[in-house]
């Protein structure tokens, strides 16, 4: 059975380690972090093993590089010599925004097989949207093993690498936009007299239900919106207010701004 090593157990690395541990035996999972105590606590929680970056680089079949883009050069310079000495096969899994498969290979010092992923924070509760692309060196059987292990994180979608950054601007950055929307909805409810906890529950469940309806019905969101907007009713007046404020344009600009930042700076 394949082993999975996570170098970096921050919000996303930790979330993916938790997801993998729902699919494979925890004794096949190893976690490491710059702060060793953080890795130890996560390992204790999951029943997996605390480790360090060098040991994971030397032994794990799937090596998750869970560090920020600006830290990737140093990490790969550290573990590169270890990777170069390996006789067994391994796959690097990168989740660093803006860094291509080719750039990861260059930093690592070899044309190693790489899977590039862009997860999002809902992966921490198994409701993530994980974009991925396999480099040329990844075998189909290895992709299958990887996808099975990652199922616990949520929905996975293969994208060509030239679309990964655009996809991440929607699903990777999108939770922040939705959270702003949730907060604004709840604030509006509070302004109308609702207790804050009630307003937040109503707003959050509405977003969950609306998103599932869109996914499961396959209907265009415009049609779903029209179904709520009765002629002369209250909802269409709310939609009118959003349109007057430039709601859709603002959301589109947010996605484009995030995409341009990723492409331009790799951060």
Protein backbone atom coordinates (compact mmCIF):
# COMPACT_ATOMS: atom_id res chain seq x y z
CA UNK A 1 0.00 0.00 0.00
CA UNK A 2 1.22 3.50 -0.85
CA UNK A 3 2.53 5.78 1.86
CA UNK A 4 1.68 9.47 2.07
CA UNK A 5 3.97 12.10 3.56
CA UNK A 6 2.96 15.68 4.28
CA UNK A 7 5.67 18.32 4.59
CA UNK A 8 3.86 21.31 6.05
CA UNK A 9 0.80 20.83 8.23
CA UNK A 10 -0.78 24.26 8.07
CA UNK A 11 -4.46 24.77 7.33
CA UNK A 12 -4.37 23.07 3.94
CA UNK A 13 -1.69 20.47 4.51
CA UNK A 14 -3.37 19.44 7.76
CA UNK A 15 -6.79 19.29 6.10
CA UNK A 16 -5.52 17.01 3.35
CA UNK A 17 -3.74 14.76 5.84
CA UNK A 18 -7.02 14.41 7.74
CA UNK A 19 -8.83 13.58 4.50
CA UNK A 20 -6.28 10.96 3.46
CA UNK A 21 -6.53 9.32 6.89
CA UNK A 22 -10.25 8.71 6.25
CA UNK A 23 -9.36 6.61 3.20
CA UNK A 24 -6.18 4.73 4.03
CA UNK A 25 -4.69 3.30 7.24
CA UNK A 26 -3.27 6.07 9.39
CA UNK A 27 -0.05 4.10 9.84
CA UNK A 28 0.67 4.79 6.16
CA UNK A 29 0.60 8.57 6.72
CA UNK A 30 3.52 10.72 7.93
CA UNK A 31 3.42 14.41 8.81
CA UNK A 32 6.18 16.97 9.26
CA UNK A 33 6.18 20.66 10.00
CA UNK A 34 8.73 23.40 10.58
CA UNK A 35 7.34 23.51 14.12
CA UNK A 36 7.74 19.88 15.14
CA UNK A 37 5.19 20.15 17.95
CA UNK A 38 2.48 21.04 15.44
CA UNK A 39 3.19 17.87 13.47
CA UNK A 40 3.25 15.82 16.66
CA UNK A 41 -0.16 17.08 17.75
CA UNK A 42 -1.68 16.37 14.33
CA UNK A 43 -0.16 12.89 14.29
CA UNK A 44 -1.58 12.24 17.74
CA UNK A 45 -5.01 13.39 16.60
CA UNK A 46 -5.01 11.22 13.48
CA UNK A 47 -3.10 8.20 14.73
CA UNK A 48 -0.45 8.68 12.05
CA UNK A 49 3.28 9.24 12.49
CA UNK A 50 5.19 12.47 13.15
CA UNK A 51 8.26 12.75 10.98
CA UNK A 52 10.56 15.30 9.36
CA UNK A 53 10.98 16.57 5.82
CA UNK A 54 14.13 14.55 5.14
CA UNK A 55 12.61 11.25 6.25
CA UNK A 56 9.45 11.86 4.25
CA UNK A 57 11.50 12.76 1.17
CA UNK A 58 13.49 9.55 1.60
CA UNK A 59 10.59 7.16 2.13
CA UNK A 60 7.07 8.34 1.20
CA UNK A 61 5.48 7.30 -2.08
CA UNK A 62 3.43 10.50 -2.34
CA UNK A 63 5.24 13.55 -0.97
CA UNK A 64 2.91 16.51 -0.36
CA UNK A 65 4.72 19.84 -0.47
CA UNK A 66 2.46 21.88 1.78
CA UNK A 67 4.45 25.11 1.99
CA UNK A 68 3.80 28.58 0.61
CA UNK A 69 5.15 29.39 -2.87
CA UNK A 70 7.84 31.68 -1.49
CA UNK A 71 9.11 28.86 0.72
CA UNK A 72 9.20 26.20 -1.99
CA UNK A 73 12.69 26.95 -3.27
CA UNK A 74 14.23 26.48 0.16
CA UNK A 75 12.26 23.31 0.87
CA UNK A 76 13.20 21.65 -2.41
CA UNK A 77 16.82 22.72 -2.03
CA UNK A 78 16.78 20.98 1.36
CA UNK A 79 15.21 17.71 0.21
CA UNK A 80 16.57 17.69 -3.35
CA UNK A 81 19.73 15.73 -2.51
CA UNK A 82 17.60 13.15 -0.66
CA UNK A 83 15.29 12.75 -3.65
CA UNK A 84 18.27 12.35 -5.98
CA UNK A 85 19.52 9.37 -3.96
CA UNK A 86 16.23 7.48 -3.94
CA UNK A 87 16.02 4.15 -5.69
CA UNK A 88 12.27 3.70 -5.12
CA UNK A 89 9.62 5.52 -7.08
CA UNK A 90 7.89 8.58 -5.63
CA UNK A 91 5.57 11.40 -6.67
CA UNK A 92 5.76 15.02 -5.59
CA UNK A 93 2.38 16.64 -4.90
CA UNK A 94 2.46 20.43 -5.00
CA UNK A 95 -0.31 22.79 -3.88
CA UNK A 96 1.67 26.02 -4.26
CA UNK A 97 -0.21 28.71 -6.12
CA UNK A 98 1.36 29.85 -9.38
CA UNK A 99 4.16 27.26 -9.48
CA UNK A 100 4.04 24.99 -12.53
CA UNK A 101 5.03 21.36 -12.69
CA UNK A 102 8.12 22.35 -14.68
CA UNK A 103 9.16 24.90 -12.05
CA UNK A 104 8.74 22.35 -9.24
CA UNK A 105 10.93 19.89 -11.14
CA UNK A 106 13.56 22.57 -11.73
CA UNK A 107 13.62 23.50 -8.03
CA UNK A 108 13.80 19.84 -7.02
CA UNK A 109 16.68 19.21 -9.39
CA UNK A 110 15.15 16.42 -11.46
CA UNK A 111 12.35 15.51 -13.88
CA UNK A 112 10.44 13.76 -11.10
CA UNK A 113 6.77 12.81 -11.49
CA UNK A 114 4.59 15.62 -10.13
CA UNK A 115 0.90 16.04 -9.40
CA UNK A 116 -0.15 19.66 -9.10
CA UNK A 117 -3.26 20.32 -7.01
CA UNK A 118 -5.20 23.40 -5.97
CA UNK A 119 -7.49 22.56 -3.02
CA UNK A 120 -9.66 24.91 -0.99
CA UNK A 121 -10.49 25.30 2.69
CA UNK A 122 -13.79 23.31 2.63
CA UNK A 123 -11.56 20.27 2.11
CA UNK A 124 -11.11 20.40 5.90
CA UNK A 125 -14.69 19.07 6.28
CA UNK A 126 -14.67 16.82 3.22
CA UNK A 127 -16.47 19.34 1.00
CA UNK A 128 -13.53 20.71 -0.92
CA UNK A 129 -13.10 21.40 -4.60
CA UNK A 130 -9.69 20.05 -5.53
CA UNK A 131 -8.31 20.84 -8.97
CA UNK A 132 -5.47 18.64 -10.18
CA UNK A 133 -3.24 17.86 -13.11
CA UNK A 134 -0.80 14.98 -13.44
CA UNK A 135 2.58 15.54 -15.00
CA UNK A 136 3.77 13.32 -17.84
CA UNK A 137 5.66 11.02 -15.49
CA UNK A 138 2.61 9.98 -13.45
CA UNK A 139 1.18 6.58 -14.38
CA UNK A 140 -2.56 6.00 -14.61
CA UNK A 141 -2.40 3.49 -11.76
CA UNK A 142 -0.70 6.10 -9.59
CA UNK A 143 -3.32 8.68 -10.46
CA UNK A 144 -6.00 6.19 -9.40
CA UNK A 145 -4.30 5.58 -6.04
CA UNK A 146 -3.98 9.32 -5.50
CA UNK A 147 -7.62 10.04 -6.37
CA UNK A 148 -8.90 7.29 -4.11
CA UNK A 149 -6.85 8.62 -1.19
CA UNK A 150 -8.05 12.17 -1.81
CA UNK A 151 -11.76 11.35 -2.04
CA UNK A 152 -12.20 12.18 1.62
CA UNK A 153 -11.31 15.83 0.87
CA UNK A 154 -14.26 16.39 -1.47
CA UNK A 155 -14.80 16.67 -5.22
CA UNK A 156 -11.80 16.37 -7.55
CA UNK A 157 -11.64 17.78 -11.05
CA UNK A 158 -8.87 17.30 -13.62
CA UNK A 159 -7.89 20.44 -15.50
CA UNK A 160 -5.20 21.16 -18.09
CA UNK A 161 -2.34 22.93 -16.35
CA UNK A 162 -2.90 26.13 -18.31
CA UNK A 163 -6.33 26.41 -16.66
CA UNK A 164 -5.32 25.55 -13.08
CA UNK A 165 -4.68 29.19 -12.10
CA UNK A 166 -8.02 30.30 -13.54
CA UNK A 167 -9.80 27.47 -11.76
CA UNK A 168 -8.12 28.37 -8.49
CA UNK A 169 -9.24 31.99 -8.80
CA UNK A 170 -12.80 30.61 -8.64
CA UNK A 171 -12.66 27.64 -6.25
CA UNK A 172 -9.46 28.32 -4.34
CA UNK A 173 -10.09 32.00 -3.59
CA UNK A 174 -13.89 31.69 -3.74
CA UNK A 175 -14.43 30.67 -0.10
CA UNK A 176 -13.26 34.14 0.95
CA UNK A 177 -15.81 35.74 -1.38
CA UNK A 178 -18.57 33.49 -0.10
CA UNK A 179 -17.60 34.25 3.49
CA UNK A 180 -17.90 37.97 2.76
CA UNK A 181 -21.31 37.31 1.22
CA UNK A 182 -22.36 35.24 4.25
CA UNK A 183 -21.29 37.97 6.64
CA UNK A 184 -23.16 40.59 4.62
CA UNK A 185 -26.32 38.46 4.50
CA UNK A 186 -26.18 37.93 8.26
CA UNK A 187 -25.56 41.64 8.84
CA UNK A 188 -28.62 42.39 6.74
CA UNK A 189 -30.66 39.97 8.81
CA UNK A 190 -29.44 41.57 12.02
CA UNK A 191 -30.38 44.99 10.63
CA UNK A 192 -33.90 43.61 10.12
CA UNK A 193 -34.09 42.37 13.72
CA UNK A 194 -32.79 38.79 13.64
CA UNK A 195 -30.44 37.55 16.38
CA UNK A 196 -26.96 37.22 14.86
CA UNK A 197 -26.66 33.47 15.42
CA UNK A 198 -30.02 32.92 13.73
CA UNK A 199 -29.12 35.20 10.84
CA UNK A 200 -25.85 33.33 10.28
CA UNK A 201 -27.53 29.92 10.40
CA UNK A 202 -30.16 31.01 7.87
CA UNK A 203 -27.56 32.50 5.54
CA UNK A 204 -25.10 29.59 5.74
CA UNK A 205 -27.68 26.85 5.20
CA UNK A 206 -29.21 28.82 2.35
CA UNK A 207 -25.81 28.96 0.61
CA UNK A 208 -25.21 25.24 1.20
CA UNK A 209 -28.64 24.33 -0.15
CA UNK A 210 -28.42 26.65 -3.15
CA UNK A 211 -25.01 25.30 -4.11
CA UNK A 212 -26.17 21.69 -3.86
CA UNK A 213 -29.28 22.47 -5.87
CA UNK A 214 -27.12 23.97 -8.63
CA UNK A 215 -24.81 20.94 -8.68
CA UNK A 216 -27.48 18.25 -8.44
CA UNK A 217 -30.12 19.79 -10.70
CA UNK A 218 -27.69 20.84 -13.43
CA UNK A 219 -29.86 23.88 -14.08
CA UNK A 220 -28.35 27.19 -15.12
CA UNK A 221 -28.07 29.53 -12.10
CA UNK A 222 -30.06 32.10 -14.02
CA UNK A 223 -32.98 29.66 -14.24
CA UNK A 224 -32.69 28.87 -10.54
CA UNK A 225 -32.69 32.59 -9.78
CA UNK A 226 -35.76 33.13 -11.96
CA UNK A 227 -37.61 30.39 -10.07
CA UNK A 228 -37.28 32.42 -6.86
CA UNK A 229 -38.22 35.77 -8.41
CA UNK A 230 -42.02 36.00 -8.56
CA UNK A 231 -43.47 38.83 -10.70
CA UNK A 232 -43.80 41.93 -8.56
CA UNK A 233 -42.38 40.02 -5.58
CA UNK A 234 -39.84 40.76 -2.91
CA UNK A 235 -36.91 38.75 -4.27
CA UNK A 236 -36.76 40.56 -7.60
CA UNK A 237 -36.49 43.81 -5.69
CA UNK A 238 -33.49 42.42 -3.80
CA UNK A 239 -31.96 41.31 -7.09
CA UNK A 240 -32.55 44.80 -8.48
CA UNK A 241 -30.68 46.30 -5.53
CA UNK A 242 -27.75 43.92 -6.09
CA UNK A 243 -27.61 44.75 -9.78
CA UNK A 244 -27.73 48.47 -9.03
CA UNK A 245 -24.73 48.02 -6.71
CA UNK A 246 -22.77 46.15 -9.38
CA UNK A 247 -22.81 42.81 -7.57
CA UNK A 248 -22.06 40.54 -10.52
CA UNK A 249 -19.42 42.85 -11.92
CA UNK A 250 -17.70 43.04 -8.54
CA UNK A 251 -17.58 39.25 -8.24
CA UNK A 252 -16.16 38.90 -11.74
CA UNK A 253 -13.52 41.52 -10.97
CA UNK A 254 -12.55 39.64 -7.80
CA UNK A 255 -11.92 36.43 -9.76
CA UNK A 256 -9.96 38.24 -12.46
CA UNK A 257 -7.87 40.16 -9.90
CA UNK A 258 -6.96 36.93 -8.09
CA UNK A 259 -6.07 35.24 -11.38
CA UNK A 260 -3.89 38.12 -12.53
CA UNK A 261 -2.06 38.20 -9.19
CA UNK A 262 -1.37 34.46 -9.39
CA UNK A 263 -0.14 34.59 -12.97
CA UNK A 264 1.88 37.74 -12.40
CA UNK A 265 3.49 36.97 -9.07
CA UNK A 266 2.97 33.28 -8.27
CA UNK A 267 1.55 34.12 -4.85
